[in-house]
Amino acid sequence: MGFKGLAITLFLAAVGAAGFGTTFAQAQMTIVGFGDSLMAGYELENGEGFPARLEAELKARGHAVSIVDAGVSGDTTSGGLARLDWSIPDGTDGVILELGANDALRGVPPQEARANLEAMIVRLQERGIEVLLAGMLAPPNLGADYEAAFNAIYPDLAAKYDLLLYPFFLDGVTGVPGMVLSDGMHPNAKGINRMAEGFVPVAEQFIDRIKAR
């Protein structure tokens, strides 16, 4: 064996010993959390928001993943659609799409919110980016007709575009004492932790789907 061959052999042995092969096989995945104040961590400290807590939960389970916070407080589906292209950089593997709560609070017609969400899904899929849809429920004070039309948006779109769906983003938090801020709406740090823990199973399915594409 010549010097060049020996050098290559030694390098490959060193790579194996250092575990670099595993690092190459598990390149970090980038997922963007695209939403409103529920994603942005309204009134919470750095590291207490949903993207940071979900990332920590997933890394604790051995997933090489980065969850980027692209939440904007007060954002609606129309605002999200307007900023979608520049908020989701090239190289993004997946998007957790969480918008619609502010539409419901403002009484935006459900068909308008649906059209905006659908347009975002189509754009992301055209870019080859996987989408996980985080569902929202309308407040009951808007009436049964509005509630039924709005609540159907998320499962309908998930079925139409073959998306993973987390039915209610605030599951385990809304109406639960000690889980929300003084406004009675936004989750506190404890509430975010519960949300992230509950979200993990579908997030792991999402990671598997991204890897398999």
N, C-alpha and C. Protein backbone atom coordinates (compact mmCIF):
# COMPACT_ATOMS: atom_id res chain seq x y z
N MET A 1 0.85 -1.20 0.00
CA MET A 1 0.00 0.00 0.00
C MET A 1 0.88 1.25 0.00
N GLY A 2 0.61 2.18 -0.92
CA GLY A 2 1.38 3.40 -0.97
C GLY A 2 1.00 4.36 0.12
N PHE A 3 1.73 5.48 0.17
CA PHE A 3 1.49 6.47 1.22
C PHE A 3 0.08 7.03 1.14
N LYS A 4 -0.38 7.32 -0.10
CA LYS A 4 -1.71 7.89 -0.28
C LYS A 4 -2.79 6.93 0.21
N GLY A 5 -2.65 5.64 -0.16
CA GLY A 5 -3.62 4.65 0.28
C GLY A 5 -3.63 4.50 1.79
N LEU A 6 -2.43 4.54 2.40
CA LEU A 6 -2.32 4.43 3.85
C LEU A 6 -2.98 5.62 4.52
N ALA A 7 -2.78 6.79 3.97
CA ALA A 7 -3.36 8.00 4.56
C ALA A 7 -4.88 7.94 4.53
N ILE A 8 -5.44 7.48 3.39
CA ILE A 8 -6.89 7.37 3.29
C ILE A 8 -7.43 6.36 4.29
N THR A 9 -6.72 5.22 4.42
CA THR A 9 -7.15 4.18 5.36
C THR A 9 -7.15 4.71 6.79
N LEU A 10 -6.10 5.44 7.15
CA LEU A 10 -6.01 5.99 8.50
C LEU A 10 -7.09 7.02 8.75
N PHE A 11 -7.38 7.84 7.71
CA PHE A 11 -8.42 8.85 7.86
C PHE A 11 -9.79 8.22 8.09
N LEU A 12 -10.10 7.19 7.29
CA LEU A 12 -11.39 6.52 7.45
C LEU A 12 -11.52 5.85 8.80
N ALA A 13 -10.41 5.29 9.28
CA ALA A 13 -10.42 4.67 10.61
C ALA A 13 -10.67 5.72 11.68
N ALA A 14 -10.05 6.89 11.51
CA ALA A 14 -10.23 7.96 12.49
C ALA A 14 -11.67 8.47 12.47
N VAL A 15 -12.25 8.57 11.28
CA VAL A 15 -13.63 9.01 11.16
C VAL A 15 -14.56 8.05 11.90
N GLY A 16 -14.33 6.76 11.68
CA GLY A 16 -15.15 5.77 12.35
C GLY A 16 -15.00 5.83 13.85
N ALA A 17 -13.76 5.98 14.32
CA ALA A 17 -13.51 6.03 15.76
C ALA A 17 -14.14 7.26 16.40
N ALA A 18 -14.16 8.36 15.66
CA ALA A 18 -14.70 9.61 16.21
C ALA A 18 -16.21 9.68 16.10
N GLY A 19 -16.80 8.74 15.38
CA GLY A 19 -18.25 8.73 15.25
C GLY A 19 -18.76 9.70 14.21
N PHE A 20 -17.90 10.17 13.30
CA PHE A 20 -18.33 11.11 12.30
C PHE A 20 -19.35 10.50 11.34
N GLY A 21 -19.27 9.19 11.15
CA GLY A 21 -20.22 8.53 10.27
C GLY A 21 -21.64 8.75 10.75
N THR A 22 -21.85 8.69 12.05
CA THR A 22 -23.17 8.93 12.61
C THR A 22 -23.59 10.37 12.39
N THR A 23 -22.64 11.30 12.55
CA THR A 23 -22.95 12.72 12.36
C THR A 23 -23.40 12.97 10.94
N PHE A 24 -22.69 12.39 9.96
CA PHE A 24 -23.07 12.60 8.57
C PHE A 24 -24.46 12.03 8.30
N ALA A 25 -24.78 10.88 8.90
CA ALA A 25 -26.06 10.23 8.65
C ALA A 25 -27.22 10.96 9.32
N GLN A 26 -26.91 11.75 10.36
CA GLN A 26 -27.95 12.43 11.10
C GLN A 26 -27.78 13.95 11.00
N ALA A 27 -27.66 14.44 9.78
CA ALA A 27 -27.55 15.88 9.57
C ALA A 27 -28.76 16.58 10.17
N GLN A 28 -28.53 17.74 10.75
CA GLN A 28 -29.62 18.43 11.44
C GLN A 28 -30.73 18.84 10.49
N MET A 29 -31.95 18.59 10.89
CA MET A 29 -33.14 18.93 10.13
C MET A 29 -33.64 20.29 10.61
N THR A 30 -34.11 21.12 9.69
CA THR A 30 -34.63 22.44 10.05
C THR A 30 -36.13 22.50 9.81
N ILE A 31 -36.86 22.79 10.87
CA ILE A 31 -38.30 22.95 10.82
C ILE A 31 -38.64 24.36 11.30
N VAL A 32 -39.52 25.03 10.59
CA VAL A 32 -39.94 26.39 10.96
C VAL A 32 -41.32 26.34 11.60
N GLY A 33 -41.43 26.95 12.77
CA GLY A 33 -42.73 27.12 13.41
C GLY A 33 -43.32 28.44 12.95
N PHE A 34 -44.30 28.38 12.06
CA PHE A 34 -44.84 29.57 11.40
C PHE A 34 -46.23 29.84 11.95
N GLY A 35 -46.37 30.91 12.73
CA GLY A 35 -47.65 31.16 13.35
C GLY A 35 -47.79 32.54 13.95
N ASP A 36 -48.61 32.62 14.99
CA ASP A 36 -48.93 33.89 15.63
C ASP A 36 -48.31 33.94 17.03
N SER A 37 -48.95 34.65 17.95
CA SER A 37 -48.39 34.80 19.29
C SER A 37 -48.30 33.49 20.04
N LEU A 38 -49.12 32.52 19.69
CA LEU A 38 -49.05 31.21 20.34
C LEU A 38 -47.75 30.50 19.99
N MET A 39 -47.23 30.78 18.80
CA MET A 39 -45.94 30.24 18.38
C MET A 39 -44.80 31.12 18.87
N ALA A 40 -45.05 32.43 18.90
CA ALA A 40 -43.99 33.39 19.22
C ALA A 40 -43.66 33.46 20.71
N GLY A 41 -44.50 32.86 21.56
CA GLY A 41 -44.22 32.88 23.00
C GLY A 41 -44.54 34.22 23.62
N TYR A 42 -45.75 34.67 23.45
CA TYR A 42 -46.20 35.96 23.96
C TYR A 42 -45.92 36.11 25.46
N GLU A 43 -45.18 37.15 25.81
CA GLU A 43 -44.83 37.52 27.19
C GLU A 43 -43.99 36.46 27.90
N LEU A 44 -43.33 35.59 27.17
CA LEU A 44 -42.48 34.57 27.78
C LEU A 44 -41.01 34.92 27.57
N GLU A 45 -40.15 34.35 28.39
CA GLU A 45 -38.71 34.56 28.27
C GLU A 45 -38.15 33.76 27.10
N ASN A 46 -36.95 34.17 26.67
CA ASN A 46 -36.27 33.40 25.63
C ASN A 46 -36.11 31.95 26.09
N GLY A 47 -36.38 31.04 25.21
CA GLY A 47 -36.26 29.62 25.55
C GLY A 47 -37.52 29.01 26.12
N GLU A 48 -38.55 29.85 26.38
CA GLU A 48 -39.80 29.33 26.96
C GLU A 48 -40.90 29.15 25.92
N GLY A 49 -40.67 29.63 24.70
CA GLY A 49 -41.68 29.53 23.66
C GLY A 49 -41.81 28.13 23.11
N PHE A 50 -42.86 27.91 22.33
CA PHE A 50 -43.15 26.57 21.82
C PHE A 50 -42.02 26.01 20.95
N PRO A 51 -41.47 26.75 19.99
CA PRO A 51 -40.41 26.16 19.16
C PRO A 51 -39.22 25.67 19.99
N ALA A 52 -38.79 26.48 20.95
CA ALA A 52 -37.64 26.09 21.78
C ALA A 52 -37.95 24.87 22.63
N ARG A 53 -39.16 24.83 23.20
CA ARG A 53 -39.50 23.70 24.06
C ARG A 53 -39.70 22.42 23.25
N LEU A 54 -40.31 22.53 22.06
CA LEU A 54 -40.47 21.35 21.23
C LEU A 54 -39.11 20.84 20.77
N GLU A 55 -38.22 21.75 20.39
CA GLU A 55 -36.87 21.33 19.99
C GLU A 55 -36.18 20.58 21.11
N ALA A 56 -36.29 21.09 22.33
CA ALA A 56 -35.66 20.43 23.48
C ALA A 56 -36.24 19.04 23.70
N GLU A 57 -37.56 18.92 23.58
CA GLU A 57 -38.20 17.61 23.76
C GLU A 57 -37.72 16.62 22.69
N LEU A 58 -37.61 17.07 21.46
CA LEU A 58 -37.20 16.18 20.37
C LEU A 58 -35.73 15.80 20.48
N LYS A 59 -34.89 16.76 20.86
CA LYS A 59 -33.46 16.46 21.02
C LYS A 59 -33.25 15.47 22.16
N ALA A 60 -34.06 15.58 23.20
CA ALA A 60 -33.96 14.65 24.32
C ALA A 60 -34.30 13.23 23.89
N ARG A 61 -35.03 13.11 22.79
CA ARG A 61 -35.39 11.80 22.24
C ARG A 61 -34.46 11.38 21.10
N GLY A 62 -33.38 12.11 20.93
CA GLY A 62 -32.35 11.71 19.97
C GLY A 62 -32.50 12.26 18.56
N HIS A 63 -33.40 13.23 18.35
CA HIS A 63 -33.60 13.79 17.02
C HIS A 63 -32.70 15.00 16.79
N ALA A 64 -31.98 15.00 15.69
CA ALA A 64 -31.12 16.13 15.33
C ALA A 64 -31.98 17.13 14.56
N VAL A 65 -32.59 18.06 15.29
CA VAL A 65 -33.55 18.96 14.69
C VAL A 65 -33.44 20.36 15.28
N SER A 66 -33.65 21.35 14.43
CA SER A 66 -33.73 22.74 14.87
C SER A 66 -35.12 23.26 14.55
N ILE A 67 -35.81 23.80 15.55
CA ILE A 67 -37.13 24.38 15.34
C ILE A 67 -36.99 25.90 15.38
N VAL A 68 -37.16 26.54 14.25
CA VAL A 68 -36.99 27.99 14.12
C VAL A 68 -38.31 28.69 14.41
N ASP A 69 -38.25 29.73 15.24
CA ASP A 69 -39.45 30.48 15.61
C ASP A 69 -39.73 31.56 14.56
N ALA A 70 -40.82 31.38 13.80
CA ALA A 70 -41.26 32.40 12.85
C ALA A 70 -42.68 32.82 13.21
N GLY A 71 -42.92 32.98 14.50
CA GLY A 71 -44.22 33.43 14.97
C GLY A 71 -44.26 34.94 15.08
N VAL A 72 -45.39 35.54 14.74
CA VAL A 72 -45.58 36.99 14.84
C VAL A 72 -46.88 37.25 15.59
N SER A 73 -46.78 37.91 16.72
CA SER A 73 -47.96 38.19 17.53
C SER A 73 -48.99 39.00 16.75
N GLY A 74 -50.23 38.58 16.85
CA GLY A 74 -51.31 39.27 16.17
C GLY A 74 -51.53 38.84 14.73
N ASP A 75 -50.69 37.94 14.23
CA ASP A 75 -50.78 37.57 12.83
C ASP A 75 -52.07 36.80 12.53
N THR A 76 -52.61 37.04 11.36
CA THR A 76 -53.77 36.33 10.84
C THR A 76 -53.33 35.46 9.67
N THR A 77 -54.26 34.71 9.11
CA THR A 77 -53.90 33.90 7.94
C THR A 77 -53.53 34.79 6.75
N SER A 78 -54.17 35.94 6.63
CA SER A 78 -53.82 36.84 5.52
C SER A 78 -52.43 37.43 5.73
N GLY A 79 -52.09 37.77 6.97
CA GLY A 79 -50.74 38.26 7.26
C GLY A 79 -49.70 37.19 7.02
N GLY A 80 -50.02 35.96 7.41
CA GLY A 80 -49.09 34.87 7.18
C GLY A 80 -48.85 34.62 5.71
N LEU A 81 -49.90 34.68 4.92
CA LEU A 81 -49.76 34.48 3.48
C LEU A 81 -48.88 35.57 2.87
N ALA A 82 -49.03 36.80 3.35
CA ALA A 82 -48.25 37.92 2.81
C ALA A 82 -46.77 37.78 3.10
N ARG A 83 -46.42 37.18 4.24
CA ARG A 83 -45.01 37.09 4.62
C ARG A 83 -44.41 35.70 4.43
N LEU A 84 -45.17 34.80 3.89
CA LEU A 84 -44.74 33.40 3.83
C LEU A 84 -43.40 33.22 3.11
N ASP A 85 -43.28 33.77 1.92
CA ASP A 85 -42.11 33.47 1.08
C ASP A 85 -40.80 33.93 1.72
N TRP A 86 -40.81 35.11 2.34
CA TRP A 86 -39.55 35.58 2.93
C TRP A 86 -39.34 35.09 4.35
N SER A 87 -40.37 34.52 4.95
CA SER A 87 -40.22 33.99 6.32
C SER A 87 -39.72 32.54 6.33
N ILE A 88 -39.89 31.85 5.22
CA ILE A 88 -39.48 30.44 5.13
C ILE A 88 -38.29 30.36 4.18
N PRO A 89 -37.08 30.28 4.70
CA PRO A 89 -35.90 30.31 3.83
C PRO A 89 -35.71 29.02 3.05
N ASP A 90 -34.97 29.12 1.96
CA ASP A 90 -34.59 27.92 1.21
C ASP A 90 -33.80 27.00 2.13
N GLY A 91 -33.97 25.71 1.95
CA GLY A 91 -33.30 24.75 2.80
C GLY A 91 -34.13 24.29 3.98
N THR A 92 -35.30 24.90 4.16
CA THR A 92 -36.22 24.46 5.22
C THR A 92 -36.78 23.09 4.87
N ASP A 93 -36.75 22.18 5.83
CA ASP A 93 -37.25 20.82 5.60
C ASP A 93 -38.75 20.70 5.83
N GLY A 94 -39.24 21.41 6.83
CA GLY A 94 -40.66 21.30 7.16
C GLY A 94 -41.17 22.55 7.85
N VAL A 95 -42.47 22.75 7.81
CA VAL A 95 -43.12 23.89 8.45
C VAL A 95 -44.27 23.40 9.32
N ILE A 96 -44.30 23.84 10.56
CA ILE A 96 -45.47 23.67 11.41
C ILE A 96 -46.32 24.91 11.20
N LEU A 97 -47.44 24.76 10.53
CA LEU A 97 -48.29 25.89 10.16
C LEU A 97 -49.38 26.07 11.21
N GLU A 98 -49.27 27.15 11.97
CA GLU A 98 -50.17 27.42 13.09
C GLU A 98 -50.72 28.84 12.95
N LEU A 99 -51.83 28.97 12.27
CA LEU A 99 -52.48 30.27 12.11
C LEU A 99 -53.99 30.07 12.07
N GLY A 100 -54.71 31.11 12.43
CA GLY A 100 -56.16 31.07 12.38
C GLY A 100 -56.84 31.54 13.64
N ALA A 101 -56.14 31.51 14.77
CA ALA A 101 -56.76 31.92 16.03
C ALA A 101 -57.22 33.37 15.97
N ASN A 102 -56.39 34.24 15.43
CA ASN A 102 -56.76 35.66 15.35
C ASN A 102 -57.86 35.91 14.33
N ASP A 103 -57.92 35.08 13.31
CA ASP A 103 -59.03 35.19 12.36
C ASP A 103 -60.35 34.95 13.08
N ALA A 104 -60.39 33.89 13.89
CA ALA A 104 -61.61 33.56 14.63
C ALA A 104 -61.96 34.66 15.63
N LEU A 105 -60.96 35.17 16.33
CA LEU A 105 -61.22 36.22 17.31
C LEU A 105 -61.78 37.48 16.66
N ARG A 106 -61.39 37.72 15.41
CA ARG A 106 -61.86 38.90 14.69
C ARG A 106 -63.11 38.62 13.85
N GLY A 107 -63.58 37.39 13.87
CA GLY A 107 -64.76 37.05 13.11
C GLY A 107 -64.55 37.03 11.61
N VAL A 108 -63.30 36.79 11.18
CA VAL A 108 -63.03 36.68 9.75
C VAL A 108 -63.84 35.51 9.18
N PRO A 109 -64.47 35.69 8.03
CA PRO A 109 -65.25 34.59 7.45
C PRO A 109 -64.41 33.32 7.31
N PRO A 110 -64.91 32.18 7.74
CA PRO A 110 -64.14 30.94 7.67
C PRO A 110 -63.62 30.62 6.28
N GLN A 111 -64.40 30.94 5.25
CA GLN A 111 -63.95 30.64 3.89
C GLN A 111 -62.71 31.45 3.51
N GLU A 112 -62.58 32.64 4.09
CA GLU A 112 -61.40 33.46 3.83
C GLU A 112 -60.17 32.86 4.52
N ALA A 113 -60.33 32.47 5.77
CA ALA A 113 -59.22 31.84 6.49
C ALA A 113 -58.81 30.55 5.79
N ARG A 114 -59.78 29.77 5.34
CA ARG A 114 -59.50 28.52 4.64
C ARG A 114 -58.69 28.78 3.36
N ALA A 115 -59.11 29.77 2.59
CA ALA A 115 -58.42 30.08 1.33
C ALA A 115 -56.98 30.50 1.58
N ASN A 116 -56.74 31.29 2.63
CA ASN A 116 -55.38 31.72 2.95
C ASN A 116 -54.50 30.56 3.38
N LEU A 117 -55.03 29.71 4.24
CA LEU A 117 -54.27 28.54 4.68
C LEU A 117 -53.97 27.61 3.50
N GLU A 118 -54.96 27.42 2.66
CA GLU A 118 -54.76 26.55 1.50
C GLU A 118 -53.68 27.11 0.58
N ALA A 119 -53.70 28.41 0.35
CA ALA A 119 -52.68 29.03 -0.50
C ALA A 119 -51.28 28.83 0.08
N MET A 120 -51.16 28.93 1.41
CA MET A 120 -49.85 28.72 2.04
C MET A 120 -49.39 27.27 1.88
N ILE A 121 -50.31 26.35 2.07
CA ILE A 121 -49.97 24.93 1.93
C ILE A 121 -49.48 24.64 0.51
N VAL A 122 -50.20 25.15 -0.47
CA VAL A 122 -49.84 24.91 -1.86
C VAL A 122 -48.46 25.48 -2.17
N ARG A 123 -48.19 26.69 -1.72
CA ARG A 123 -46.89 27.31 -1.97
C ARG A 123 -45.76 26.49 -1.35
N LEU A 124 -45.96 26.06 -0.14
CA LEU A 124 -44.91 25.29 0.55
C LEU A 124 -44.69 23.94 -0.14
N GLN A 125 -45.76 23.28 -0.52
CA GLN A 125 -45.61 22.00 -1.20
C GLN A 125 -44.94 22.17 -2.57
N GLU A 126 -45.22 23.26 -3.24
CA GLU A 126 -44.56 23.53 -4.52
C GLU A 126 -43.06 23.70 -4.34
N ARG A 127 -42.65 24.16 -3.17
CA ARG A 127 -41.22 24.32 -2.86
C ARG A 127 -40.61 23.03 -2.30
N GLY A 128 -41.39 21.98 -2.19
CA GLY A 128 -40.89 20.72 -1.67
C GLY A 128 -40.74 20.69 -0.17
N ILE A 129 -41.50 21.54 0.53
CA ILE A 129 -41.42 21.64 1.98
C ILE A 129 -42.62 20.94 2.60
N GLU A 130 -42.36 20.01 3.51
CA GLU A 130 -43.43 19.29 4.20
C GLU A 130 -44.16 20.23 5.17
N VAL A 131 -45.45 20.00 5.33
CA VAL A 131 -46.28 20.84 6.20
C VAL A 131 -46.97 19.98 7.25
N LEU A 132 -46.89 20.43 8.50
CA LEU A 132 -47.65 19.85 9.61
C LEU A 132 -48.65 20.93 10.02
N LEU A 133 -49.93 20.62 9.95
CA LEU A 133 -50.97 21.61 10.22
C LEU A 133 -51.39 21.55 11.68
N ALA A 134 -51.25 22.67 12.37
CA ALA A 134 -51.68 22.78 13.76
C ALA A 134 -53.05 23.41 13.79
N GLY A 135 -54.05 22.65 14.20
CA GLY A 135 -55.42 23.10 14.14
C GLY A 135 -55.80 24.06 15.26
N MET A 136 -56.88 24.79 15.02
CA MET A 136 -57.43 25.73 15.99
C MET A 136 -58.94 25.55 16.02
N LEU A 137 -59.54 25.92 17.14
CA LEU A 137 -60.99 25.84 17.31
C LEU A 137 -61.55 27.24 17.52
N ALA A 138 -62.70 27.50 16.94
CA ALA A 138 -63.34 28.81 17.09
C ALA A 138 -63.96 28.94 18.47
N PRO A 139 -63.94 30.14 19.04
CA PRO A 139 -64.63 30.35 20.32
C PRO A 139 -66.14 30.17 20.13
N PRO A 140 -66.81 29.57 21.09
CA PRO A 140 -68.24 29.25 20.93
C PRO A 140 -69.15 30.47 20.86
N ASN A 141 -68.68 31.64 21.30
CA ASN A 141 -69.54 32.82 21.31
C ASN A 141 -69.84 33.36 19.91
N LEU A 142 -69.19 32.80 18.88
CA LEU A 142 -69.43 33.27 17.52
C LEU A 142 -70.61 32.56 16.86
N GLY A 143 -71.18 31.60 17.56
CA GLY A 143 -72.36 30.91 17.03
C GLY A 143 -72.01 29.57 16.44
N ALA A 144 -73.02 28.70 16.41
CA ALA A 144 -72.81 27.32 15.98
C ALA A 144 -72.40 27.22 14.51
N ASP A 145 -72.99 28.06 13.66
CA ASP A 145 -72.67 27.99 12.23
C ASP A 145 -71.22 28.37 11.97
N TYR A 146 -70.78 29.47 12.59
CA TYR A 146 -69.39 29.90 12.43
C TYR A 146 -68.45 28.84 12.99
N GLU A 147 -68.77 28.34 14.16
CA GLU A 147 -67.92 27.35 14.81
C GLU A 147 -67.76 26.10 13.95
N ALA A 148 -68.86 25.62 13.39
CA ALA A 148 -68.80 24.42 12.56
C ALA A 148 -67.97 24.64 11.30
N ALA A 149 -68.18 25.80 10.66
CA ALA A 149 -67.45 26.10 9.42
C ALA A 149 -65.97 26.29 9.70
N PHE A 150 -65.63 26.99 10.76
CA PHE A 150 -64.23 27.25 11.06
C PHE A 150 -63.51 25.98 11.50
N ASN A 151 -64.11 25.22 12.38
CA ASN A 151 -63.46 24.02 12.93
C ASN A 151 -63.20 22.96 11.87
N ALA A 152 -63.97 23.00 10.79
CA ALA A 152 -63.79 22.01 9.72
C ALA A 152 -62.60 22.32 8.82
N ILE A 153 -62.09 23.55 8.90
CA ILE A 153 -61.02 23.97 7.99
C ILE A 153 -59.81 23.03 8.06
N TYR A 154 -59.35 22.77 9.25
CA TYR A 154 -58.07 22.07 9.43
C TYR A 154 -58.14 20.60 9.04
N PRO A 155 -59.13 19.83 9.51
CA PRO A 155 -59.18 18.44 9.05
C PRO A 155 -59.45 18.32 7.55
N ASP A 156 -60.24 19.25 7.01
CA ASP A 156 -60.51 19.21 5.57
C ASP A 156 -59.23 19.42 4.76
N LEU A 157 -58.46 20.44 5.12
CA LEU A 157 -57.22 20.73 4.39
C LEU A 157 -56.19 19.62 4.59
N ALA A 158 -56.13 19.07 5.79
CA ALA A 158 -55.18 17.98 6.04
C ALA A 158 -55.50 16.79 5.16
N ALA A 159 -56.78 16.48 5.02
CA ALA A 159 -57.18 15.35 4.18
C ALA A 159 -56.92 15.65 2.70
N LYS A 160 -57.22 16.86 2.27
CA LYS A 160 -57.07 17.22 0.86
C LYS A 160 -55.61 17.20 0.41
N TYR A 161 -54.70 17.64 1.29
CA TYR A 161 -53.29 17.76 0.90
C TYR A 161 -52.39 16.73 1.57
N ASP A 162 -52.98 15.72 2.17
CA ASP A 162 -52.23 14.63 2.79
C ASP A 162 -51.23 15.16 3.82
N LEU A 163 -51.73 15.95 4.76
CA LEU A 163 -50.88 16.55 5.79
C LEU A 163 -51.09 15.85 7.12
N LEU A 164 -50.05 15.82 7.92
CA LEU A 164 -50.23 15.46 9.32
C LEU A 164 -50.96 16.60 10.02
N LEU A 165 -51.85 16.26 10.92
CA LEU A 165 -52.67 17.26 11.61
C LEU A 165 -52.58 17.07 13.12
N TYR A 166 -52.31 18.15 13.82
CA TYR A 166 -52.47 18.18 15.27
C TYR A 166 -53.77 18.94 15.50
N PRO A 167 -54.84 18.27 15.90
CA PRO A 167 -56.19 18.85 15.82
C PRO A 167 -56.39 20.18 16.54
N PHE A 168 -55.80 20.33 17.74
CA PHE A 168 -56.02 21.58 18.49
C PHE A 168 -54.71 21.97 19.17
N PHE A 169 -54.12 23.06 18.70
CA PHE A 169 -52.79 23.46 19.16
C PHE A 169 -52.75 23.71 20.67
N LEU A 170 -53.85 24.20 21.24
CA LEU A 170 -53.89 24.53 22.66
C LEU A 170 -54.46 23.40 23.52
N ASP A 171 -54.45 22.21 22.99
CA ASP A 171 -54.98 21.06 23.73
C ASP A 171 -54.26 20.90 25.07
N GLY A 172 -55.03 20.71 26.13
CA GLY A 172 -54.45 20.54 27.46
C GLY A 172 -54.15 21.83 28.18
N VAL A 173 -54.44 22.96 27.53
CA VAL A 173 -54.11 24.26 28.11
C VAL A 173 -55.35 25.14 28.28
N THR A 174 -56.15 25.25 27.22
CA THR A 174 -57.33 26.10 27.27
C THR A 174 -58.29 25.66 28.38
N GLY A 175 -58.62 26.58 29.24
CA GLY A 175 -59.55 26.30 30.32
C GLY A 175 -58.98 25.53 31.49
N VAL A 176 -57.66 25.30 31.45
CA VAL A 176 -57.02 24.54 32.53
C VAL A 176 -56.33 25.52 33.48
N PRO A 177 -56.70 25.53 34.76
CA PRO A 177 -56.10 26.46 35.71
C PRO A 177 -54.57 26.31 35.77
N GLY A 178 -53.89 27.44 35.84
CA GLY A 178 -52.44 27.44 35.98
C GLY A 178 -51.67 27.27 34.68
N MET A 179 -52.38 27.20 33.55
CA MET A 179 -51.72 26.96 32.27
C MET A 179 -51.67 28.19 31.36
N VAL A 180 -52.37 29.26 31.76
CA VAL A 180 -52.44 30.44 30.89
C VAL A 180 -52.02 31.69 31.66
N LEU A 181 -51.72 32.73 30.88
CA LEU A 181 -51.38 34.02 31.45
C LEU A 181 -52.63 34.69 32.02
N SER A 182 -52.44 35.86 32.59
CA SER A 182 -53.57 36.57 33.21
C SER A 182 -54.65 36.97 32.21
N ASP A 183 -54.30 37.00 30.91
CA ASP A 183 -55.32 37.34 29.91
C ASP A 183 -56.29 36.20 29.66
N GLY A 184 -55.99 35.03 30.23
CA GLY A 184 -56.87 33.88 30.09
C GLY A 184 -56.82 33.20 28.74
N MET A 185 -55.93 33.66 27.86
CA MET A 185 -55.87 33.13 26.50
C MET A 185 -54.52 32.51 26.16
N HIS A 186 -53.46 33.25 26.41
CA HIS A 186 -52.13 32.78 25.99
C HIS A 186 -51.54 31.83 27.03
N PRO A 187 -50.87 30.78 26.58
CA PRO A 187 -50.25 29.85 27.53
C PRO A 187 -49.07 30.48 28.26
N ASN A 188 -48.92 30.13 29.52
CA ASN A 188 -47.72 30.52 30.25
C ASN A 188 -46.64 29.46 30.00
N ALA A 189 -45.51 29.58 30.68
CA ALA A 189 -44.41 28.65 30.44
C ALA A 189 -44.82 27.21 30.74
N LYS A 190 -45.59 27.04 31.79
CA LYS A 190 -46.06 25.69 32.13
C LYS A 190 -46.99 25.16 31.05
N GLY A 191 -47.85 26.03 30.54
CA GLY A 191 -48.75 25.63 29.47
C GLY A 191 -48.00 25.26 28.20
N ILE A 192 -46.97 26.03 27.87
CA ILE A 192 -46.15 25.72 26.69
C ILE A 192 -45.49 24.36 26.84
N ASN A 193 -45.00 24.08 28.03
CA ASN A 193 -44.37 22.77 28.26
C ASN A 193 -45.36 21.64 28.00
N ARG A 194 -46.58 21.81 28.47
CA ARG A 194 -47.60 20.78 28.24
C ARG A 194 -47.91 20.66 26.74
N MET A 195 -48.00 21.79 26.05
CA MET A 195 -48.26 21.77 24.61
C MET A 195 -47.16 21.02 23.87
N ALA A 196 -45.91 21.32 24.21
CA ALA A 196 -44.78 20.69 23.54
C ALA A 196 -44.77 19.18 23.79
N GLU A 197 -45.02 18.79 25.02
CA GLU A 197 -45.05 17.36 25.35
C GLU A 197 -46.14 16.64 24.57
N GLY A 198 -47.30 17.27 24.46
CA GLY A 198 -48.40 16.65 23.74
C GLY A 198 -48.16 16.60 22.24
N PHE A 199 -47.36 17.52 21.74
CA PHE A 199 -47.10 17.64 20.31
C PHE A 199 -46.03 16.66 19.82
N VAL A 200 -45.23 16.15 20.74
CA VAL A 200 -44.09 15.31 20.35
C VAL A 200 -44.45 14.14 19.45
N PRO A 201 -45.48 13.35 19.75
CA PRO A 201 -45.75 12.19 18.88
C PRO A 201 -45.98 12.55 17.42
N VAL A 202 -46.77 13.59 17.16
CA VAL A 202 -47.01 13.97 15.77
C VAL A 202 -45.77 14.61 15.17
N ALA A 203 -44.97 15.31 15.98
CA ALA A 203 -43.72 15.88 15.48
C ALA A 203 -42.75 14.77 15.07
N GLU A 204 -42.72 13.68 15.81
CA GLU A 204 -41.86 12.56 15.44
C GLU A 204 -42.35 11.91 14.14
N GLN A 205 -43.65 11.82 13.96
CA GLN A 205 -44.18 11.33 12.69
C GLN A 205 -43.78 12.25 11.55
N PHE A 206 -43.81 13.54 11.83
CA PHE A 206 -43.43 14.55 10.84
C PHE A 206 -41.97 14.38 10.44
N ILE A 207 -41.11 14.19 11.40
CA ILE A 207 -39.68 13.98 11.14
C ILE A 207 -39.49 12.74 10.28
N ASP A 208 -40.20 11.67 10.60
CA ASP A 208 -40.10 10.44 9.80
C ASP A 208 -40.56 10.66 8.37
N ARG A 209 -41.61 11.46 8.22
CA ARG A 209 -42.12 11.73 6.87
C ARG A 209 -41.11 12.55 6.08
N ILE A 210 -40.47 13.51 6.70
CA ILE A 210 -39.46 14.32 6.02
C ILE A 210 -38.29 13.45 5.58
N LYS A 211 -37.87 12.56 6.47
CA LYS A 211 -36.74 11.67 6.14
C LYS A 211 -37.07 10.73 4.99
N ALA A 212 -38.32 10.34 4.88
CA ALA A 212 -38.72 9.33 3.90
C ALA A 212 -38.98 9.91 2.51
N ARG A 213 -39.05 11.20 2.41
CA ARG A 213 -39.46 11.78 1.11
C ARG A 213 -38.35 11.66 0.08
